[in-house]
Amino acid sequence: MNRFEVLIKVGPLRSKGWGSAPDAILSAPRFARLIQIVWSGCGDEEDFGYDPVAVQGSTARRAGINQR
């Protein structure tokens, strides 16, 4: 597995546009530390970092389904 120490991201975490990044940057990181430089008032997308496993697990818990 290719792993590195620091990832520097300039700008907010977005899934579309020029400064987009894959959701896996948060859900399956290959770095030890993320340094993010953002402009004041320019936030990340609310739903950035979609992890289908985490969403599926939370849906199952709300439905009362036991997962193994």
PDB file of N, CA and C in Angstrom:
ATOM      1  N   MET A   1       0.845  -1.172   0.000  1.00  0.00           N
ATOM      2  CA  MET A   1       0.000   0.000   0.000  1.00  0.00           C
ATOM      3  C   MET A   1       0.889   1.234   0.000  1.00  0.00           C
ATOM      4  N   ASN A   2       0.625   2.147  -0.909  1.00  0.00           N
ATOM      5  CA  ASN A   2       1.353   3.412  -0.950  1.00  0.00           C
ATOM      6  C   ASN A   2       0.796   4.338   0.114  1.00  0.00           C
ATOM      7  N   ARG A   3       1.653   4.770   1.022  1.00  0.00           N
ATOM      8  CA  ARG A   3       1.229   5.631   2.126  1.00  0.00           C
ATOM      9  C   ARG A   3       2.244   6.755   2.255  1.00  0.00           C
ATOM     10  N   PHE A   4       1.779   7.943   2.575  1.00  0.00           N
ATOM     11  CA  PHE A   4       2.686   9.051   2.782  1.00  0.00           C
ATOM     12  C   PHE A   4       2.300   9.812   4.035  1.00  0.00           C
ATOM     13  N   GLU A   5       3.179  10.649   4.524  1.00  0.00           N
ATOM     14  CA  GLU A   5       3.012  11.314   5.812  1.00  0.00           C
ATOM     15  C   GLU A   5       1.977  12.431   5.796  1.00  0.00           C
ATOM     16  N   VAL A   6       2.093  13.390   4.873  1.00  0.00           N
ATOM     17  CA  VAL A   6       1.262  14.588   4.911  1.00  0.00           C
ATOM     18  C   VAL A   6       0.620  14.840   3.552  1.00  0.00           C
ATOM     19  N   LEU A   7      -0.664  15.156   3.556  1.00  0.00           N
ATOM     20  CA  LEU A   7      -1.374  15.604   2.361  1.00  0.00           C
ATOM     21  C   LEU A   7      -1.792  17.047   2.618  1.00  0.00           C
ATOM     22  N   ILE A   8      -1.427  17.940   1.716  1.00  0.00           N
ATOM     23  CA  ILE A   8      -1.810  19.348   1.845  1.00  0.00           C
ATOM     24  C   ILE A   8      -2.913  19.626   0.841  1.00  0.00           C
ATOM     25  N   LYS A   9      -4.068  20.070   1.328  1.00  0.00           N
ATOM     26  CA  LYS A   9      -5.232  20.397   0.486  1.00  0.00           C
ATOM     27  C   LYS A   9      -5.483  21.885   0.615  1.00  0.00           C
ATOM     28  N   VAL A  10      -5.451  22.594  -0.511  1.00  0.00           N
ATOM     29  CA  VAL A  10      -5.742  24.020  -0.519  1.00  0.00           C
ATOM     30  C   VAL A  10      -7.183  24.185  -0.972  1.00  0.00           C
ATOM     31  N   GLY A  11      -8.006  24.769  -0.111  1.00  0.00           N
ATOM     32  CA  GLY A  11      -9.415  24.974  -0.408  1.00  0.00           C
ATOM     33  C   GLY A  11     -10.302  23.978   0.318  1.00  0.00           C
ATOM     34  N   PRO A  12     -11.607  24.207   0.211  1.00  0.00           N
ATOM     35  CA  PRO A  12     -12.559  23.342   0.912  1.00  0.00           C
ATOM     36  C   PRO A  12     -12.669  21.962   0.264  1.00  0.00           C
ATOM     37  N   LEU A  13     -13.180  21.004   1.033  1.00  0.00           N
ATOM     38  CA  LEU A  13     -13.415  19.654   0.516  1.00  0.00           C
ATOM     39  C   LEU A  13     -14.720  19.657  -0.259  1.00  0.00           C
ATOM     40  N   ARG A  14     -14.612  19.461  -1.554  1.00  0.00           N
ATOM     41  CA  ARG A  14     -15.768  19.463  -2.448  1.00  0.00           C
ATOM     42  C   ARG A  14     -15.692  18.263  -3.370  1.00  0.00           C
ATOM     43  N   SER A  15     -16.863  17.779  -3.797  1.00  0.00           N
ATOM     44  CA  SER A  15     -16.887  16.614  -4.678  1.00  0.00           C
ATOM     45  C   SER A  15     -16.981  16.988  -6.154  1.00  0.00           C
ATOM     46  N   LYS A  16     -17.240  18.265  -6.469  1.00  0.00           N
ATOM     47  CA  LYS A  16     -17.364  18.712  -7.862  1.00  0.00           C
ATOM     48  C   LYS A  16     -16.595  20.010  -8.056  1.00  0.00           C
ATOM     49  N   GLY A  17     -16.174  20.255  -9.279  1.00  0.00           N
ATOM     50  CA  GLY A  17     -15.504  21.507  -9.602  1.00  0.00           C
ATOM     51  C   GLY A  17     -13.992  21.374  -9.681  1.00  0.00           C
ATOM     52  N   TRP A  18     -13.339  22.505  -9.866  1.00  0.00           N
ATOM     53  CA  TRP A  18     -11.888  22.530 -10.052  1.00  0.00           C
ATOM     54  C   TRP A  18     -11.135  22.000  -8.838  1.00  0.00           C
ATOM     55  N   GLY A  19     -11.588  22.295  -7.660  1.00  0.00           N
ATOM     56  CA  GLY A  19     -10.879  21.878  -6.448  1.00  0.00           C
ATOM     57  C   GLY A  19     -11.435  20.613  -5.830  1.00  0.00           C
ATOM     58  N   SER A  20     -12.047  19.779  -6.641  1.00  0.00           N
ATOM     59  CA  SER A  20     -12.693  18.578  -6.090  1.00  0.00           C
ATOM     60  C   SER A  20     -11.671  17.547  -5.622  1.00  0.00           C
ATOM     61  N   ALA A  21     -12.109  16.711  -4.716  1.00  0.00           N
ATOM     62  CA  ALA A  21     -11.296  15.617  -4.191  1.00  0.00           C
ATOM     63  C   ALA A  21     -12.204  14.404  -4.002  1.00  0.00           C
ATOM     64  N   PRO A  22     -11.667  13.199  -4.126  1.00  0.00           N
ATOM     65  CA  PRO A  22     -12.507  12.013  -3.924  1.00  0.00           C
ATOM     66  C   PRO A  22     -12.920  11.864  -2.460  1.00  0.00           C
ATOM     67  N   ASP A  23     -14.106  11.289  -2.228  1.00  0.00           N
ATOM     68  CA  ASP A  23     -14.588  11.057  -0.863  1.00  0.00           C
ATOM     69  C   ASP A  23     -13.616  10.191  -0.066  1.00  0.00           C
ATOM     70  N   ALA A  24     -12.873   9.336  -0.761  1.00  0.00           N
ATOM     71  CA  ALA A  24     -11.939   8.434  -0.087  1.00  0.00           C
ATOM     72  C   ALA A  24     -10.832   9.180   0.650  1.00  0.00           C
ATOM     73  N   ILE A  25     -10.672  10.457   0.374  1.00  0.00           N
ATOM     74  CA  ILE A  25      -9.658  11.238   1.097  1.00  0.00           C
ATOM     75  C   ILE A  25      -9.953  11.207   2.600  1.00  0.00           C
ATOM     76  N   LEU A  26     -11.228  11.073   2.974  1.00  0.00           N
ATOM     77  CA  LEU A  26     -11.607  10.974   4.385  1.00  0.00           C
ATOM     78  C   LEU A  26     -11.961   9.559   4.802  1.00  0.00           C
ATOM     79  N   SER A  27     -12.646   8.818   3.922  1.00  0.00           N
ATOM     80  CA  SER A  27     -13.126   7.489   4.316  1.00  0.00           C
ATOM     81  C   SER A  27     -12.065   6.396   4.204  1.00  0.00           C
ATOM     82  N   ALA A  28     -11.034   6.598   3.390  1.00  0.00           N
ATOM     83  CA  ALA A  28      -9.957   5.607   3.244  1.00  0.00           C
ATOM     84  C   ALA A  28      -8.628   6.335   3.029  1.00  0.00           C
ATOM     85  N   PRO A  29      -8.199   7.090   4.022  1.00  0.00           N
ATOM     86  CA  PRO A  29      -6.989   7.903   3.839  1.00  0.00           C
ATOM     87  C   PRO A  29      -5.718   7.065   3.684  1.00  0.00           C
ATOM     88  N   ARG A  30      -4.790   7.585   2.890  1.00  0.00           N
ATOM     89  CA  ARG A  30      -3.479   6.949   2.711  1.00  0.00           C
ATOM     90  C   ARG A  30      -2.388   7.893   3.189  1.00  0.00           C
ATOM     91  N   PHE A  31      -2.717   8.700   4.163  1.00  0.00           N
ATOM     92  CA  PHE A  31      -1.767   9.659   4.705  1.00  0.00           C
ATOM     93  C   PHE A  31      -1.919   9.690   6.212  1.00  0.00           C
ATOM     94  N   ALA A  32      -0.871  10.129   6.893  1.00  0.00           N
ATOM     95  CA  ALA A  32      -0.900  10.190   8.348  1.00  0.00           C
ATOM     96  C   ALA A  32      -1.559  11.476   8.844  1.00  0.00           C
ATOM     97  N   ARG A  33      -1.409  12.570   8.063  1.00  0.00           N
ATOM     98  CA  ARG A  33      -1.939  13.860   8.507  1.00  0.00           C
ATOM     99  C   ARG A  33      -2.417  14.658   7.311  1.00  0.00           C
ATOM    100  N   LEU A  34      -3.567  15.323   7.457  1.00  0.00           N
ATOM    101  CA  LEU A  34      -4.128  16.189   6.419  1.00  0.00           C
ATOM    102  C   LEU A  34      -4.009  17.630   6.895  1.00  0.00           C
ATOM    103  N   ILE A  35      -3.344  18.449   6.095  1.00  0.00           N
ATOM    104  CA  ILE A  35      -3.275  19.885   6.365  1.00  0.00           C
ATOM    105  C   ILE A  35      -4.155  20.554   5.323  1.00  0.00           C
ATOM    106  N   GLN A  36      -5.160  21.286   5.801  1.00  0.00           N
ATOM    107  CA  GLN A  36      -6.109  21.930   4.894  1.00  0.00           C
ATOM    108  C   GLN A  36      -6.033  23.441   5.076  1.00  0.00           C
ATOM    109  N   ILE A  37      -5.806  24.144   3.974  1.00  0.00           N
ATOM    110  CA  ILE A  37      -5.738  25.603   3.984  1.00  0.00           C
ATOM    111  C   ILE A  37      -6.978  26.117   3.268  1.00  0.00           C
ATOM    112  N   VAL A  38      -7.822  26.853   3.993  1.00  0.00           N
ATOM    113  CA  VAL A  38      -9.066  27.368   3.409  1.00  0.00           C
ATOM    114  C   VAL A  38      -9.209  28.856   3.684  1.00  0.00           C
ATOM    115  N   TRP A  39      -9.957  29.515   2.819  1.00  0.00           N
ATOM    116  CA  TRP A  39     -10.252  30.921   2.961  1.00  0.00           C
ATOM    117  C   TRP A  39     -11.382  31.097   3.962  1.00  0.00           C
ATOM    118  N   SER A  40     -11.373  32.181   4.681  1.00  0.00           N
ATOM    119  CA  SER A  40     -12.416  32.484   5.661  1.00  0.00           C
ATOM    120  C   SER A  40     -13.788  32.496   4.988  1.00  0.00           C
ATOM    121  N   GLY A  41     -14.747  31.781   5.573  1.00  0.00           N
ATOM    122  CA  GLY A  41     -16.110  31.733   5.044  1.00  0.00           C
ATOM    123  C   GLY A  41     -16.314  30.742   3.920  1.00  0.00           C
ATOM    124  N   CYS A  42     -15.317  29.972   3.597  1.00  0.00           N
ATOM    125  CA  CYS A  42     -15.415  29.010   2.493  1.00  0.00           C
ATOM    126  C   CYS A  42     -15.332  27.602   3.089  1.00  0.00           C
ATOM    127  N   GLY A  43     -16.490  27.022   3.409  1.00  0.00           N
ATOM    128  CA  GLY A  43     -16.524  25.740   4.104  1.00  0.00           C
ATOM    129  C   GLY A  43     -16.579  24.531   3.192  1.00  0.00           C
ATOM    130  N   ASP A  44     -16.394  23.373   3.795  1.00  0.00           N
ATOM    131  CA  ASP A  44     -16.508  22.102   3.085  1.00  0.00           C
ATOM    132  C   ASP A  44     -17.976  21.825   2.764  1.00  0.00           C
ATOM    133  N   GLU A  45     -18.213  20.940   1.782  1.00  0.00           N
ATOM    134  CA  GLU A  45     -19.573  20.472   1.515  1.00  0.00           C
ATOM    135  C   GLU A  45     -20.065  19.695   2.730  1.00  0.00           C
ATOM    136  N   GLU A  46     -21.329  19.845   3.071  1.00  0.00           N
ATOM    137  CA  GLU A  46     -21.872  19.153   4.251  1.00  0.00           C
ATOM    138  C   GLU A  46     -21.787  17.640   4.137  1.00  0.00           C
ATOM    139  N   ASP A  47     -22.050  17.104   2.950  1.00  0.00           N
ATOM    140  CA  ASP A  47     -22.080  15.647   2.794  1.00  0.00           C
ATOM    141  C   ASP A  47     -20.785  15.093   2.196  1.00  0.00           C
ATOM    142  N   PHE A  48     -19.708  15.873   2.219  1.00  0.00           N
ATOM    143  CA  PHE A  48     -18.441  15.380   1.675  1.00  0.00           C
ATOM    144  C   PHE A  48     -17.919  14.245   2.546  1.00  0.00           C
ATOM    145  N   GLY A  49     -17.296  13.272   1.917  1.00  0.00           N
ATOM    146  CA  GLY A  49     -16.731  12.137   2.640  1.00  0.00           C
ATOM    147  C   GLY A  49     -17.703  10.986   2.761  1.00  0.00           C
ATOM    148  N   TYR A  50     -18.645  10.881   1.832  1.00  0.00           N
ATOM    149  CA  TYR A  50     -19.647   9.817   1.838  1.00  0.00           C
ATOM    150  C   TYR A  50     -18.981   8.456   1.941  1.00  0.00           C
ATOM    151  N   ASP A  51     -19.366   7.692   2.927  1.00  0.00           N
ATOM    152  CA  ASP A  51     -18.852   6.343   3.137  1.00  0.00           C
ATOM    153  C   ASP A  51     -20.033   5.390   3.128  1.00  0.00           C
ATOM    154  N   PRO A  52     -20.235   4.631   2.036  1.00  0.00           N
ATOM    155  CA  PRO A  52     -21.409   3.763   1.944  1.00  0.00           C
ATOM    156  C   PRO A  52     -21.505   2.733   3.054  1.00  0.00           C
ATOM    157  N   VAL A  53     -20.380   2.277   3.584  1.00  0.00           N
ATOM    158  CA  VAL A  53     -20.409   1.287   4.669  1.00  0.00           C
ATOM    159  C   VAL A  53     -20.952   1.934   5.940  1.00  0.00           C
ATOM    160  N   ALA A  54     -20.513   3.136   6.248  1.00  0.00           N
ATOM    161  CA  ALA A  54     -20.991   3.834   7.446  1.00  0.00           C
ATOM    162  C   ALA A  54     -22.465   4.175   7.316  1.00  0.00           C
ATOM    163  N   VAL A  55     -22.887   4.583   6.134  1.00  0.00           N
ATOM    164  CA  VAL A  55     -24.297   4.917   5.914  1.00  0.00           C
ATOM    165  C   VAL A  55     -25.157   3.673   6.029  1.00  0.00           C
ATOM    166  N   GLN A  56     -24.712   2.576   5.444  1.00  0.00           N
ATOM    167  CA  GLN A  56     -25.452   1.319   5.519  1.00  0.00           C
ATOM    168  C   GLN A  56     -25.563   0.859   6.969  1.00  0.00           C
ATOM    169  N   GLY A  57     -24.496   0.977   7.735  1.00  0.00           N
ATOM    170  CA  GLY A  57     -24.510   0.566   9.136  1.00  0.00           C
ATOM    171  C   GLY A  57     -25.460   1.403   9.965  1.00  0.00           C
ATOM    172  N   SER A  58     -25.477   2.720   9.752  1.00  0.00           N
ATOM    173  CA  SER A  58     -26.365   3.578  10.534  1.00  0.00           C
ATOM    174  C   SER A  58     -27.819   3.330  10.156  1.00  0.00           C
ATOM    175  N   THR A  59     -28.090   3.027   8.891  1.00  0.00           N
ATOM    176  CA  THR A  59     -29.449   2.714   8.453  1.00  0.00           C
ATOM    177  C   THR A  59     -29.914   1.411   9.097  1.00  0.00           C
ATOM    178  N   ALA A  60     -29.040   0.415   9.133  1.00  0.00           N
ATOM    179  CA  ALA A  60     -29.382  -0.872   9.744  1.00  0.00           C
ATOM    180  C   ALA A  60     -29.658  -0.706  11.249  1.00  0.00           C
ATOM    181  N   ARG A  61     -28.847   0.105  11.917  1.00  0.00           N
ATOM    182  CA  ARG A  61     -29.063   0.313  13.365  1.00  0.00           C
ATOM    183  C   ARG A  61     -30.418   0.973  13.603  1.00  0.00           C
ATOM    184  N   ARG A  62     -30.762   1.966  12.765  1.00  0.00           N
ATOM    185  CA  ARG A  62     -32.054   2.636  12.948  1.00  0.00           C
ATOM    186  C   ARG A  62     -33.216   1.669  12.694  1.00  0.00           C
ATOM    187  N   ALA A  63     -33.008   0.696  11.811  1.00  0.00           N
ATOM    188  CA  ALA A  63     -34.069  -0.267  11.495  1.00  0.00           C
ATOM    189  C   ALA A  63     -34.083  -1.429  12.486  1.00  0.00           C
ATOM    190  N   GLY A  64     -33.092  -1.497  13.389  1.00  0.00           N
ATOM    191  CA  GLY A  64     -33.039  -2.571  14.366  1.00  0.00           C
ATOM    192  C   GLY A  64     -32.508  -3.880  13.816  1.00  0.00           C
ATOM    193  N   ILE A  65     -31.697  -3.814  12.774  1.00  0.00           N
ATOM    194  CA  ILE A  65     -31.142  -5.014  12.142  1.00  0.00           C
ATOM    195  C   ILE A  65     -29.801  -5.310  12.793  1.00  0.00           C
ATOM    196  N   ASN A  66     -29.585  -6.554  13.193  1.00  0.00           N
ATOM    197  CA  ASN A  66     -28.305  -6.977  13.749  1.00  0.00           C
ATOM    198  C   ASN A  66     -27.325  -7.263  12.624  1.00  0.00           C
ATOM    199  N   GLN A  67     -26.137  -6.653  12.715  1.00  0.00           N
ATOM    200  CA  GLN A  67     -25.106  -6.913  11.714  1.00  0.00           C
ATOM    201  C   GLN A  67     -24.034  -7.795  12.318  1.00  0.00           C
ATOM    202  N   ARG A  68     -23.470  -8.673  11.520  1.00  0.00           N
ATOM    203  CA  ARG A  68     -22.402  -9.572  11.979  1.00  0.00           C
ATOM    204  C   ARG A  68     -21.122  -9.269  11.287  1.00  0.00           C
TER     205      ARG A  68
END
